[in-house]
Amino acid sequence: MSGGGVSVAIINYGVGNLLSIYTAFKRAGASPRIVEDLREAYEHDAIVFPGVGAFKPVIRKLQENRDHISKLLEEKPILGICLGMQLLYERSEEGCPPGEYLQGLGIFRGDVRRFPANVKIPQMGWNTLRIIRRGCPLLSGIPDGAYVYYANSYAPGLSEDAVAVTAYGVEFTAVAQRGMIFGTQFHPEKSGRWGLRMIENFIKLVEGEKGR
């Protein structure tokens, strides 16, 4: 499998799930590495913001390194997974009093909000993808209606960055793209064949960028 020449920095900002992401990227043919010092991420071809955890402590940690984060967002292909995707939005209400928000990294437009009270929280398990914008390289070969694995209590609303959506009490963005920055509200590393295909697609995309 191709991709062995693609180095991927998985950012360790104190949340779980790093080993499963590392293993998935290794399986897909990349050369992943878990990094804590953001300066080390510059040495890699692409960056992964992993999921699982709370928005407030993670965004504060990233904002302490805003210069490094801003440069990485400008220069590297990025994949944000679950919480890692939510960090890329303008605002999140997680951890805030009603009506208040925390500022995110502001790559994707819109807010991250808690699921409505009429559904069980968190959402845990398999749900679908409805592709609303074709041409996203992350979704190459992924069929409309594919099932992927979610584990979330919050989700981003719909905006111009959405390329796939799903519903759990309310319709929300499942996949977002702006340029070379991508987000998945689900966990591709836990989503079987389609999740692995998306990781392979991301690696292939990064390979193409390296070849330019």
Protein backbone atom coordinates (compact mmCIF):
# COMPACT_ATOMS: atom_id res chain seq x y z
CA MET A 1 0.00 0.00 0.00
CA SER A 2 1.24 3.49 -0.76
CA GLY A 3 1.57 6.17 1.87
CA GLY A 4 4.64 4.98 3.76
CA GLY A 5 6.42 8.17 2.82
CA VAL A 6 3.70 10.33 4.40
CA SER A 7 4.52 11.40 7.95
CA VAL A 8 1.57 12.33 10.15
CA ALA A 9 1.77 14.16 13.48
CA ILE A 10 -1.01 13.18 15.89
CA ILE A 11 -1.25 16.04 18.38
CA ASN A 12 -1.32 14.94 22.03
CA TYR A 13 -3.17 17.66 23.93
CA GLY A 14 -4.13 15.41 26.80
CA VAL A 15 -7.09 13.48 25.42
CA GLY A 16 -7.56 9.77 24.86
CA ASN A 17 -7.85 7.63 21.75
CA LEU A 18 -4.36 8.34 20.44
CA LEU A 19 -3.28 4.72 20.09
CA SER A 20 -6.29 3.72 17.98
CA ILE A 21 -5.69 6.66 15.64
CA TYR A 22 -1.99 5.85 15.46
CA THR A 23 -2.78 2.21 14.64
CA ALA A 24 -5.32 3.16 11.96
CA PHE A 25 -2.88 5.48 10.17
CA LYS A 26 -0.15 2.86 10.39
CA ARG A 27 -2.51 0.28 8.92
CA ALA A 28 -3.40 2.69 6.11
CA GLY A 29 0.26 2.95 5.15
CA ALA A 30 1.36 6.24 6.72
CA SER A 31 4.18 6.91 9.18
CA PRO A 32 2.36 8.38 12.20
CA ARG A 33 3.91 9.86 15.31
CA ILE A 34 2.29 11.15 18.50
CA VAL A 35 3.73 14.57 19.38
CA GLU A 36 3.24 16.88 22.37
CA ASP A 37 5.50 19.74 21.31
CA LEU A 38 3.82 21.55 18.44
CA ARG A 39 7.19 22.58 17.09
CA GLU A 40 7.80 18.92 16.22
CA ALA A 41 4.66 18.93 14.06
CA TYR A 42 6.37 21.17 11.48
CA GLU A 43 8.58 18.22 10.53
CA HIS A 44 5.56 16.18 9.36
CA ASP A 45 3.54 16.22 6.17
CA ALA A 46 0.11 16.36 7.81
CA ILE A 47 -1.52 16.92 11.19
CA VAL A 48 -4.30 15.08 13.04
CA PHE A 49 -6.29 16.73 15.84
CA PRO A 50 -7.71 13.70 17.71
CA GLY A 51 -11.04 13.32 19.46
CA VAL A 52 -12.37 12.40 22.92
CA GLY A 53 -12.19 14.98 25.67
CA ALA A 54 -13.60 18.36 26.71
CA PHE A 55 -13.47 21.47 24.54
CA LYS A 56 -12.46 24.03 27.19
CA PRO A 57 -9.14 22.63 28.46
CA VAL A 58 -8.02 21.64 24.96
CA ILE A 59 -8.80 24.96 23.27
CA ARG A 60 -7.06 26.81 26.09
CA LYS A 61 -3.97 24.69 25.64
CA LEU A 62 -3.99 25.30 21.90
CA GLN A 63 -4.54 29.02 22.33
CA GLU A 64 -1.43 29.15 24.50
CA ASN A 65 0.40 28.06 21.34
CA ARG A 66 -1.67 30.14 18.94
CA ASP A 67 1.29 31.20 16.79
CA HIS A 68 2.30 27.59 16.16
CA ILE A 69 -1.29 26.49 15.58
CA SER A 70 -1.96 29.32 13.13
CA LYS A 71 1.15 28.46 11.13
CA LEU A 72 0.27 24.76 11.01
CA LEU A 73 -3.28 25.55 9.88
CA GLU A 74 -1.88 27.68 7.07
CA GLU A 75 0.79 25.25 5.89
CA LYS A 76 -0.30 21.65 6.56
CA PRO A 77 -3.17 19.37 5.58
CA ILE A 78 -5.23 18.87 8.74
CA LEU A 79 -7.71 16.19 9.81
CA GLY A 80 -9.78 16.93 12.90
CA ILE A 81 -11.58 13.96 14.45
CA CYS A 82 -14.65 14.40 16.72
CA LEU A 83 -13.45 16.92 19.35
CA GLY A 84 -10.58 17.70 16.96
CA MET A 85 -13.16 18.77 14.37
CA GLN A 86 -15.10 20.87 16.90
CA LEU A 87 -11.94 22.80 17.80
CA LEU A 88 -11.81 24.02 14.19
CA TYR A 89 -15.16 25.82 14.45
CA GLU A 90 -15.74 29.44 15.44
CA ARG A 91 -17.42 28.74 18.78
CA SER A 92 -18.61 25.99 21.12
CA GLU A 93 -21.12 26.10 23.95
CA GLU A 94 -19.53 23.09 25.70
CA GLY A 95 -18.58 23.93 29.27
CA CYS A 96 -20.37 27.30 29.16
CA PRO A 97 -23.43 28.75 30.91
CA PRO A 98 -26.54 28.95 28.71
CA GLY A 99 -26.17 31.54 25.97
CA GLU A 100 -22.38 31.75 26.27
CA TYR A 101 -19.68 30.28 24.03
CA LEU A 102 -15.95 29.58 23.93
CA GLN A 103 -13.99 30.73 20.91
CA GLY A 104 -12.56 27.99 18.68
CA LEU A 105 -9.88 28.15 16.01
CA GLY A 106 -12.30 29.67 13.49
CA ILE A 107 -11.48 27.65 10.37
CA PHE A 108 -15.00 26.32 9.85
CA ARG A 109 -18.00 28.65 10.09
CA GLY A 110 -20.64 28.17 12.75
CA ASP A 111 -21.14 26.94 16.31
CA VAL A 112 -20.86 23.61 18.10
CA ARG A 113 -23.92 22.89 20.23
CA ARG A 114 -25.21 20.22 22.59
CA PHE A 115 -27.74 17.72 21.28
CA PRO A 116 -31.37 18.46 22.23
CA ALA A 117 -32.79 16.99 25.42
CA ASN A 118 -35.13 14.62 23.56
CA VAL A 119 -32.29 12.23 22.61
CA LYS A 120 -29.98 10.10 24.73
CA ILE A 121 -26.66 11.85 25.34
CA PRO A 122 -24.02 11.01 24.35
CA GLN A 123 -24.71 9.54 20.95
CA MET A 124 -22.80 6.26 20.99
CA GLY A 125 -22.74 3.96 18.00
CA TRP A 126 -23.32 3.74 14.27
CA ASN A 127 -25.08 6.40 12.25
CA THR A 128 -25.17 7.36 8.59
CA LEU A 129 -23.50 9.87 6.30
CA ARG A 130 -25.58 11.83 3.81
CA ILE A 131 -23.25 13.42 1.30
CA ILE A 132 -24.48 16.88 0.29
CA ARG A 133 -21.44 18.14 -1.64
CA ARG A 134 -19.53 15.88 -4.00
CA GLY A 135 -15.88 16.33 -4.81
CA CYS A 136 -14.48 16.18 -1.28
CA PRO A 137 -11.35 14.01 -1.60
CA LEU A 138 -11.84 12.59 1.89
CA LEU A 139 -15.09 10.95 0.71
CA SER A 140 -13.77 9.49 -2.54
CA GLY A 141 -15.31 6.02 -2.95
CA ILE A 142 -17.58 6.43 0.09
CA PRO A 143 -21.23 5.64 -0.71
CA ASP A 144 -24.06 7.92 0.34
CA GLY A 145 -25.67 6.40 3.42
CA ALA A 146 -22.50 4.69 4.67
CA TYR A 147 -22.50 3.90 8.38
CA VAL A 148 -19.74 5.31 10.59
CA TYR A 149 -19.12 5.34 14.35
CA TYR A 150 -20.05 8.33 16.51
CA ALA A 151 -19.36 9.12 20.18
CA ASN A 152 -20.45 12.68 20.88
CA SER A 153 -22.67 14.92 22.99
CA TYR A 154 -22.04 18.05 20.90
CA ALA A 155 -21.96 18.63 17.17
CA PRO A 156 -21.51 21.49 14.69
CA GLY A 157 -24.50 22.95 12.90
CA LEU A 158 -24.80 23.26 9.14
CA SER A 159 -22.76 25.81 7.20
CA GLU A 160 -21.06 26.25 3.83
CA ASP A 161 -18.21 24.01 5.05
CA ALA A 162 -20.44 20.93 5.38
CA VAL A 163 -19.90 18.19 2.82
CA ALA A 164 -21.80 15.42 4.64
CA VAL A 165 -24.48 15.52 7.33
CA THR A 166 -26.43 13.20 9.57
CA ALA A 167 -29.16 13.53 12.19
CA TYR A 168 -29.47 12.70 15.87
CA GLY A 169 -32.32 14.72 17.29
CA VAL A 170 -31.16 17.50 14.96
CA GLU A 171 -29.33 17.56 11.65
CA PHE A 172 -25.62 18.36 12.02
CA THR A 173 -22.39 18.40 10.05
CA ALA A 174 -20.67 15.02 9.89
CA VAL A 175 -17.84 15.98 7.50
CA ALA A 176 -16.51 19.47 6.83
CA GLN A 177 -13.87 20.81 4.46
CA ARG A 178 -12.24 24.16 3.87
CA GLY A 179 -9.28 23.90 1.52
CA MET A 180 -6.85 21.33 2.89
CA ILE A 181 -8.49 21.24 6.31
CA PHE A 182 -11.01 18.46 7.01
CA GLY A 183 -13.14 17.43 9.95
CA THR A 184 -15.12 14.31 10.80
CA GLN A 185 -17.59 14.37 13.69
CA PHE A 186 -17.39 10.56 13.80
CA HIS A 187 -14.33 8.40 14.47
CA PRO A 188 -12.91 7.03 11.19
CA GLU A 189 -10.47 4.88 13.15
CA LYS A 190 -13.48 3.02 14.62
CA SER A 191 -15.62 3.01 11.48
CA GLY A 192 -14.55 -0.17 9.75
CA ARG A 193 -13.88 -0.28 6.01
CA TRP A 194 -15.29 3.16 5.24
CA GLY A 195 -13.33 4.81 8.01
CA LEU A 196 -10.13 3.17 6.81
CA ARG A 197 -10.94 4.29 3.26
CA MET A 198 -11.22 7.90 4.46
CA ILE A 199 -7.86 7.69 6.21
CA GLU A 200 -6.34 6.23 3.05
CA ASN A 201 -7.93 9.05 1.05
CA PHE A 202 -6.38 11.61 3.39
CA ILE A 203 -2.96 10.00 3.04
CA LYS A 204 -3.31 9.93 -0.75
CA LEU A 205 -4.22 13.61 -0.71
CA VAL A 206 -1.14 14.44 1.34
CA GLU A 207 1.02 12.40 -1.03
CA GLY A 208 -0.29 14.49 -3.90
CA GLU A 209 0.54 17.71 -2.07
CA LYS A 210 4.08 16.47 -1.42
CA GLY A 211 4.52 15.76 -5.12
CA ARG A 212 3.72 19.33 -6.20
